[in-house]
Amino acid sequence: MKRRKFLKSLLALLGSTTLVSFAYPLVRFIAPPSRKAEVKRLSLQKNEIPAGEAREIVLNNTPAIIINRPGKGYIALSRVCTHLGCLVGYNKAKGNLICPCHAGIFNLDGKVLSGPPPKPLTEYPLRVEGETIIIG
């Protein structure tokens, strides 16, 4: 009787371990990573980014972009696509951000216009003080 109980317990333990080893990677693959915008302060001069232009920067080891939107002002966005993590690029002619991997398109506010990205781009806090743009 003791041996039968021990074998059932061992079988349950091995089955549970096997189930978790398959389920955890599957859940991590399906659920997109959540990232909070943790930003150290970074400052740039306003004249470095004329209206309609953008500048690529790195914030806390994350590629980002600052865009001077005509009539709307500056915005700082992550360049990491929310679909599979490719880096989006600024298309000045069309006024949007394009992911080259799966043709995801974002507007200049970081919102998804088309394509497979499930969420908008991460926006970093930004303020303008005089001639200086401060991110963070």
N, C-alpha and C. Protein backbone atom coordinates (compact mmCIF):
# COMPACT_ATOMS: atom_id res chain seq x y z
N MET A 1 0.82 -1.20 0.00
CA MET A 1 0.00 0.00 0.00
C MET A 1 0.85 1.26 0.00
N LYS A 2 1.93 1.26 0.79
CA LYS A 2 2.77 2.44 0.83
C LYS A 2 3.45 2.67 -0.51
N ARG A 3 3.87 1.59 -1.16
CA ARG A 3 4.54 1.72 -2.44
C ARG A 3 3.58 2.29 -3.49
N ARG A 4 2.33 1.85 -3.49
CA ARG A 4 1.35 2.36 -4.44
C ARG A 4 1.11 3.86 -4.24
N LYS A 5 0.99 4.27 -3.00
CA LYS A 5 0.79 5.69 -2.69
C LYS A 5 2.01 6.51 -3.11
N PHE A 6 3.21 5.95 -2.86
CA PHE A 6 4.44 6.66 -3.27
C PHE A 6 4.49 6.81 -4.79
N LEU A 7 4.15 5.77 -5.53
CA LEU A 7 4.17 5.85 -6.99
C LEU A 7 3.14 6.84 -7.53
N LYS A 8 1.97 6.92 -6.92
CA LYS A 8 0.96 7.91 -7.33
C LYS A 8 1.46 9.32 -7.08
N SER A 9 2.08 9.54 -5.93
CA SER A 9 2.60 10.87 -5.62
C SER A 9 3.72 11.25 -6.58
N LEU A 10 4.60 10.29 -6.86
CA LEU A 10 5.70 10.56 -7.80
C LEU A 10 5.17 10.87 -9.20
N LEU A 11 4.17 10.12 -9.63
CA LEU A 11 3.57 10.35 -10.94
C LEU A 11 2.90 11.73 -10.99
N ALA A 12 2.20 12.12 -9.93
CA ALA A 12 1.56 13.44 -9.87
C ALA A 12 2.60 14.55 -9.91
N LEU A 13 3.71 14.37 -9.21
CA LEU A 13 4.77 15.37 -9.20
C LEU A 13 5.40 15.51 -10.59
N LEU A 14 5.71 14.40 -11.22
CA LEU A 14 6.30 14.45 -12.56
C LEU A 14 5.33 15.04 -13.59
N GLY A 15 4.06 14.69 -13.47
CA GLY A 15 3.06 15.25 -14.38
C GLY A 15 2.92 16.74 -14.22
N SER A 16 2.90 17.20 -12.97
CA SER A 16 2.78 18.64 -12.72
C SER A 16 4.01 19.39 -13.24
N THR A 17 5.18 18.83 -13.03
CA THR A 17 6.41 19.46 -13.51
C THR A 17 6.41 19.55 -15.03
N THR A 18 5.98 18.50 -15.69
CA THR A 18 5.93 18.48 -17.15
C THR A 18 4.92 19.52 -17.65
N LEU A 19 3.77 19.59 -17.03
CA LEU A 19 2.75 20.55 -17.44
C LEU A 19 3.26 21.99 -17.30
N VAL A 20 3.88 22.31 -16.18
CA VAL A 20 4.40 23.67 -15.96
C VAL A 20 5.52 23.99 -16.96
N SER A 21 6.38 23.00 -17.25
CA SER A 21 7.49 23.27 -18.18
C SER A 21 7.00 23.55 -19.60
N PHE A 22 5.83 23.07 -19.97
CA PHE A 22 5.27 23.39 -21.29
C PHE A 22 4.38 24.63 -21.24
N ALA A 23 3.64 24.81 -20.17
CA ALA A 23 2.67 25.91 -20.09
C ALA A 23 3.35 27.27 -19.91
N TYR A 24 4.41 27.36 -19.11
CA TYR A 24 5.04 28.65 -18.83
C TYR A 24 5.61 29.30 -20.09
N PRO A 25 6.41 28.59 -20.90
CA PRO A 25 6.90 29.23 -22.13
C PRO A 25 5.77 29.61 -23.09
N LEU A 26 4.73 28.83 -23.13
CA LEU A 26 3.59 29.14 -24.00
C LEU A 26 2.91 30.43 -23.57
N VAL A 27 2.69 30.60 -22.28
CA VAL A 27 2.06 31.84 -21.77
C VAL A 27 2.96 33.04 -22.01
N ARG A 28 4.27 32.89 -21.80
CA ARG A 28 5.22 33.99 -22.04
C ARG A 28 5.25 34.37 -23.52
N PHE A 29 5.07 33.40 -24.41
CA PHE A 29 5.08 33.68 -25.84
C PHE A 29 3.81 34.41 -26.26
N ILE A 30 2.67 34.01 -25.72
CA ILE A 30 1.39 34.59 -26.13
C ILE A 30 1.19 35.98 -25.55
N ALA A 31 1.51 36.19 -24.29
CA ALA A 31 1.29 37.49 -23.64
C ALA A 31 2.42 38.44 -24.01
N PRO A 32 2.11 39.63 -24.54
CA PRO A 32 3.16 40.60 -24.85
C PRO A 32 3.78 41.12 -23.56
N PRO A 33 5.07 41.42 -23.59
CA PRO A 33 5.71 41.92 -22.37
C PRO A 33 5.18 43.29 -22.00
N SER A 34 4.96 43.50 -20.74
CA SER A 34 4.52 44.82 -20.29
C SER A 34 5.74 45.58 -19.80
N ARG A 35 5.82 46.79 -20.23
CA ARG A 35 6.96 47.61 -19.86
C ARG A 35 6.47 48.95 -19.35
N LYS A 36 7.03 49.34 -18.28
CA LYS A 36 6.74 50.68 -17.76
C LYS A 36 7.81 51.61 -18.28
N ALA A 37 7.43 52.84 -18.45
CA ALA A 37 8.37 53.82 -18.96
C ALA A 37 9.21 54.35 -17.80
N GLU A 38 10.32 53.68 -17.53
CA GLU A 38 11.25 54.14 -16.51
C GLU A 38 12.33 54.94 -17.22
N VAL A 39 12.43 56.20 -16.88
CA VAL A 39 13.28 57.08 -17.65
C VAL A 39 14.22 57.86 -16.75
N LYS A 40 15.48 57.86 -17.12
CA LYS A 40 16.40 58.81 -16.51
C LYS A 40 16.23 60.11 -17.28
N ARG A 41 16.60 61.19 -16.68
CA ARG A 41 16.47 62.48 -17.36
C ARG A 41 17.50 62.61 -18.47
N LEU A 42 17.04 63.13 -19.57
CA LEU A 42 17.89 63.40 -20.72
C LEU A 42 17.46 64.75 -21.26
N SER A 43 18.40 65.59 -21.60
CA SER A 43 18.02 66.91 -22.12
C SER A 43 18.67 67.14 -23.48
N LEU A 44 17.92 67.81 -24.33
CA LEU A 44 18.36 68.19 -25.67
C LEU A 44 17.98 69.64 -25.90
N GLN A 45 18.62 70.26 -26.85
CA GLN A 45 18.26 71.62 -27.22
C GLN A 45 17.17 71.58 -28.30
N LYS A 46 16.22 72.52 -28.22
CA LYS A 46 15.11 72.54 -29.17
C LYS A 46 15.59 72.71 -30.61
N ASN A 47 16.68 73.47 -30.80
CA ASN A 47 17.14 73.72 -32.17
C ASN A 47 17.76 72.48 -32.81
N GLU A 48 17.98 71.42 -32.05
CA GLU A 48 18.51 70.17 -32.60
C GLU A 48 17.44 69.39 -33.37
N ILE A 49 16.16 69.72 -33.12
CA ILE A 49 15.06 69.01 -33.78
C ILE A 49 14.10 70.04 -34.38
N PRO A 50 14.31 70.44 -35.64
CA PRO A 50 13.38 71.39 -36.28
C PRO A 50 11.99 70.78 -36.47
N ALA A 51 11.01 71.63 -36.76
CA ALA A 51 9.63 71.16 -36.95
C ALA A 51 9.57 70.12 -38.07
N GLY A 52 8.86 69.02 -37.81
CA GLY A 52 8.71 67.96 -38.80
C GLY A 52 9.85 66.96 -38.80
N GLU A 53 10.84 67.18 -37.97
CA GLU A 53 12.00 66.27 -37.92
C GLU A 53 11.94 65.41 -36.66
N ALA A 54 12.79 64.42 -36.61
CA ALA A 54 12.86 63.52 -35.47
C ALA A 54 14.32 63.22 -35.17
N ARG A 55 14.55 62.80 -33.94
CA ARG A 55 15.91 62.41 -33.55
C ARG A 55 15.82 61.13 -32.75
N GLU A 56 16.66 60.18 -33.14
CA GLU A 56 16.70 58.89 -32.44
C GLU A 56 17.66 59.01 -31.27
N ILE A 57 17.23 58.50 -30.12
CA ILE A 57 18.04 58.53 -28.91
C ILE A 57 17.95 57.17 -28.22
N VAL A 58 18.69 57.01 -27.14
CA VAL A 58 18.62 55.80 -26.32
C VAL A 58 18.34 56.23 -24.88
N LEU A 59 17.24 55.71 -24.32
CA LEU A 59 16.86 55.99 -22.93
C LEU A 59 16.89 54.70 -22.14
N ASN A 60 17.75 54.64 -21.15
CA ASN A 60 17.85 53.43 -20.32
C ASN A 60 18.02 52.17 -21.17
N ASN A 61 18.89 52.24 -22.12
CA ASN A 61 19.19 51.12 -23.03
C ASN A 61 18.02 50.74 -23.93
N THR A 62 17.04 51.61 -24.07
CA THR A 62 15.90 51.37 -24.95
C THR A 62 15.93 52.40 -26.08
N PRO A 63 15.90 51.96 -27.33
CA PRO A 63 15.85 52.92 -28.43
C PRO A 63 14.56 53.73 -28.38
N ALA A 64 14.70 55.02 -28.56
CA ALA A 64 13.54 55.92 -28.52
C ALA A 64 13.70 56.97 -29.61
N ILE A 65 12.64 57.73 -29.81
CA ILE A 65 12.67 58.77 -30.82
C ILE A 65 11.93 59.99 -30.29
N ILE A 66 12.47 61.16 -30.57
CA ILE A 66 11.79 62.41 -30.22
C ILE A 66 11.38 63.05 -31.53
N ILE A 67 10.10 63.39 -31.63
CA ILE A 67 9.56 63.95 -32.86
C ILE A 67 9.03 65.35 -32.57
N ASN A 68 9.36 66.29 -33.43
CA ASN A 68 8.80 67.65 -33.35
C ASN A 68 7.63 67.69 -34.33
N ARG A 69 6.44 67.45 -33.83
CA ARG A 69 5.24 67.41 -34.67
C ARG A 69 4.79 68.82 -34.99
N PRO A 70 4.66 69.15 -36.27
CA PRO A 70 4.22 70.50 -36.62
C PRO A 70 2.84 70.82 -36.02
N GLY A 71 2.75 71.88 -35.27
CA GLY A 71 1.49 72.31 -34.68
C GLY A 71 1.13 71.60 -33.39
N LYS A 72 1.82 70.52 -33.02
CA LYS A 72 1.50 69.79 -31.80
C LYS A 72 2.64 69.78 -30.79
N GLY A 73 3.84 70.02 -31.23
CA GLY A 73 4.98 70.04 -30.32
C GLY A 73 5.73 68.72 -30.28
N TYR A 74 6.52 68.56 -29.25
CA TYR A 74 7.42 67.42 -29.15
C TYR A 74 6.74 66.22 -28.48
N ILE A 75 7.19 65.03 -28.86
CA ILE A 75 6.75 63.80 -28.21
C ILE A 75 7.93 62.84 -28.21
N ALA A 76 8.08 62.08 -27.13
CA ALA A 76 9.13 61.06 -27.03
C ALA A 76 8.45 59.69 -26.97
N LEU A 77 8.82 58.83 -27.91
CA LEU A 77 8.22 57.50 -28.00
C LEU A 77 9.30 56.43 -28.03
N SER A 78 8.96 55.26 -27.54
CA SER A 78 9.85 54.11 -27.70
C SER A 78 9.84 53.70 -29.16
N ARG A 79 10.99 53.26 -29.66
CA ARG A 79 11.07 52.77 -31.04
C ARG A 79 10.79 51.27 -31.12
N VAL A 80 10.55 50.63 -29.99
CA VAL A 80 10.35 49.18 -29.97
C VAL A 80 8.88 48.89 -30.29
N CYS A 81 8.65 48.20 -31.40
CA CYS A 81 7.30 47.85 -31.82
C CYS A 81 6.66 46.93 -30.78
N THR A 82 5.39 47.14 -30.51
CA THR A 82 4.69 46.36 -29.50
C THR A 82 4.26 44.99 -30.02
N HIS A 83 4.54 44.69 -31.26
CA HIS A 83 4.20 43.39 -31.81
C HIS A 83 5.28 42.37 -31.47
N LEU A 84 6.45 42.49 -32.09
CA LEU A 84 7.52 41.53 -31.83
C LEU A 84 8.84 42.20 -31.48
N GLY A 85 8.83 43.50 -31.24
CA GLY A 85 10.04 44.16 -30.76
C GLY A 85 10.99 44.69 -31.81
N CYS A 86 10.60 44.76 -33.05
CA CYS A 86 11.45 45.38 -34.07
C CYS A 86 11.48 46.89 -33.82
N LEU A 87 12.45 47.57 -34.41
CA LEU A 87 12.56 49.01 -34.22
C LEU A 87 11.82 49.76 -35.32
N VAL A 88 10.91 50.63 -34.91
CA VAL A 88 10.15 51.41 -35.88
C VAL A 88 11.00 52.56 -36.38
N GLY A 89 10.69 53.02 -37.58
CA GLY A 89 11.42 54.14 -38.18
C GLY A 89 10.47 55.27 -38.52
N TYR A 90 10.99 56.49 -38.48
CA TYR A 90 10.19 57.68 -38.78
C TYR A 90 10.13 57.89 -40.28
N ASN A 91 8.92 58.03 -40.82
CA ASN A 91 8.73 58.33 -42.23
C ASN A 91 8.23 59.76 -42.33
N LYS A 92 9.15 60.66 -42.63
CA LYS A 92 8.81 62.09 -42.66
C LYS A 92 7.79 62.40 -43.76
N ALA A 93 7.93 61.76 -44.91
CA ALA A 93 7.03 62.06 -46.05
C ALA A 93 5.58 61.71 -45.72
N LYS A 94 5.35 60.59 -45.05
CA LYS A 94 3.98 60.17 -44.73
C LYS A 94 3.54 60.60 -43.34
N GLY A 95 4.47 61.08 -42.53
CA GLY A 95 4.12 61.54 -41.19
C GLY A 95 3.67 60.42 -40.28
N ASN A 96 4.41 59.31 -40.29
CA ASN A 96 4.07 58.21 -39.40
C ASN A 96 5.31 57.42 -39.04
N LEU A 97 5.13 56.41 -38.23
CA LEU A 97 6.21 55.52 -37.82
C LEU A 97 5.88 54.13 -38.36
N ILE A 98 6.86 53.50 -39.00
CA ILE A 98 6.62 52.21 -39.65
C ILE A 98 7.54 51.15 -39.08
N CYS A 99 6.95 49.99 -38.78
CA CYS A 99 7.73 48.84 -38.34
C CYS A 99 8.11 48.05 -39.60
N PRO A 100 9.39 47.86 -39.88
CA PRO A 100 9.79 47.18 -41.11
C PRO A 100 9.54 45.67 -41.09
N CYS A 101 9.33 45.08 -39.94
CA CYS A 101 9.20 43.62 -39.86
C CYS A 101 7.85 43.12 -40.37
N HIS A 102 6.75 43.72 -39.90
CA HIS A 102 5.42 43.22 -40.27
C HIS A 102 4.50 44.35 -40.71
N ALA A 103 5.08 45.46 -41.15
CA ALA A 103 4.34 46.59 -41.71
C ALA A 103 3.34 47.21 -40.74
N GLY A 104 3.66 47.21 -39.47
CA GLY A 104 2.83 47.94 -38.50
C GLY A 104 3.05 49.43 -38.69
N ILE A 105 1.97 50.19 -38.65
CA ILE A 105 2.08 51.64 -38.84
C ILE A 105 1.49 52.35 -37.62
N PHE A 106 2.22 53.31 -37.09
CA PHE A 106 1.80 54.10 -35.94
C PHE A 106 1.72 55.57 -36.37
N ASN A 107 0.78 56.32 -35.78
CA ASN A 107 0.75 57.75 -36.06
C ASN A 107 1.78 58.44 -35.18
N LEU A 108 1.89 59.75 -35.29
CA LEU A 108 2.93 60.46 -34.55
C LEU A 108 2.59 60.62 -33.06
N ASP A 109 1.42 60.16 -32.64
CA ASP A 109 1.09 60.09 -31.21
C ASP A 109 1.43 58.71 -30.65
N GLY A 110 1.89 57.79 -31.51
CA GLY A 110 2.26 56.44 -31.08
C GLY A 110 1.13 55.44 -31.17
N LYS A 111 -0.06 55.87 -31.65
CA LYS A 111 -1.21 54.96 -31.73
C LYS A 111 -1.13 54.11 -32.99
N VAL A 112 -1.65 52.89 -32.90
CA VAL A 112 -1.61 51.96 -34.03
C VAL A 112 -2.60 52.40 -35.10
N LEU A 113 -2.11 52.55 -36.34
CA LEU A 113 -2.99 52.87 -37.47
C LEU A 113 -3.37 51.60 -38.23
N SER A 114 -2.40 50.70 -38.41
CA SER A 114 -2.70 49.44 -39.09
C SER A 114 -1.60 48.44 -38.78
N GLY A 115 -1.88 47.18 -39.10
CA GLY A 115 -0.90 46.14 -38.88
C GLY A 115 -1.15 45.35 -37.62
N PRO A 116 -0.24 44.46 -37.30
CA PRO A 116 -0.47 43.55 -36.17
C PRO A 116 -0.14 44.07 -34.77
N PRO A 117 0.50 45.24 -34.57
CA PRO A 117 0.82 45.64 -33.19
C PRO A 117 -0.44 45.72 -32.32
N PRO A 118 -0.40 45.10 -31.11
CA PRO A 118 -1.58 45.08 -30.25
C PRO A 118 -1.76 46.35 -29.42
N LYS A 119 -0.68 47.10 -29.20
CA LYS A 119 -0.75 48.27 -28.32
C LYS A 119 0.00 49.43 -28.95
N PRO A 120 -0.29 50.66 -28.50
CA PRO A 120 0.48 51.82 -28.99
C PRO A 120 1.91 51.78 -28.47
N LEU A 121 2.75 52.60 -29.06
CA LEU A 121 4.13 52.73 -28.60
C LEU A 121 4.16 53.38 -27.23
N THR A 122 5.15 53.02 -26.44
CA THR A 122 5.30 53.61 -25.11
C THR A 122 5.73 55.06 -25.24
N GLU A 123 5.00 55.94 -24.54
CA GLU A 123 5.33 57.36 -24.56
C GLU A 123 6.09 57.72 -23.29
N TYR A 124 7.15 58.45 -23.44
CA TYR A 124 7.95 58.89 -22.30
C TYR A 124 7.55 60.31 -21.91
N PRO A 125 7.57 60.61 -20.61
CA PRO A 125 7.24 61.98 -20.18
C PRO A 125 8.28 62.96 -20.72
N LEU A 126 7.79 64.09 -21.17
CA LEU A 126 8.65 65.10 -21.79
C LEU A 126 8.13 66.48 -21.44
N ARG A 127 9.02 67.40 -21.20
CA ARG A 127 8.60 68.79 -21.00
C ARG A 127 9.65 69.71 -21.62
N VAL A 128 9.19 70.89 -22.00
CA VAL A 128 10.06 71.87 -22.62
C VAL A 128 10.20 73.04 -21.66
N GLU A 129 11.45 73.35 -21.31
CA GLU A 129 11.75 74.48 -20.43
C GLU A 129 12.69 75.40 -21.17
N GLY A 130 12.17 76.52 -21.63
CA GLY A 130 12.98 77.46 -22.41
C GLY A 130 13.41 76.84 -23.72
N GLU A 131 14.68 76.72 -23.93
CA GLU A 131 15.21 76.14 -25.16
C GLU A 131 15.63 74.69 -24.97
N THR A 132 15.27 74.11 -23.83
CA THR A 132 15.70 72.75 -23.51
C THR A 132 14.52 71.80 -23.46
N ILE A 133 14.70 70.62 -24.05
CA ILE A 133 13.71 69.54 -23.98
C ILE A 133 14.22 68.56 -22.95
N ILE A 134 13.39 68.28 -21.93
CA ILE A 134 13.79 67.37 -20.86
C ILE A 134 12.89 66.15 -20.91
N ILE A 135 13.50 64.99 -21.04
CA ILE A 135 12.76 63.73 -21.07
C ILE A 135 12.97 63.04 -19.74
N GLY A 136 11.87 62.70 -19.09
CA GLY A 136 11.97 62.00 -17.81
C GLY A 136 11.46 62.82 -16.67
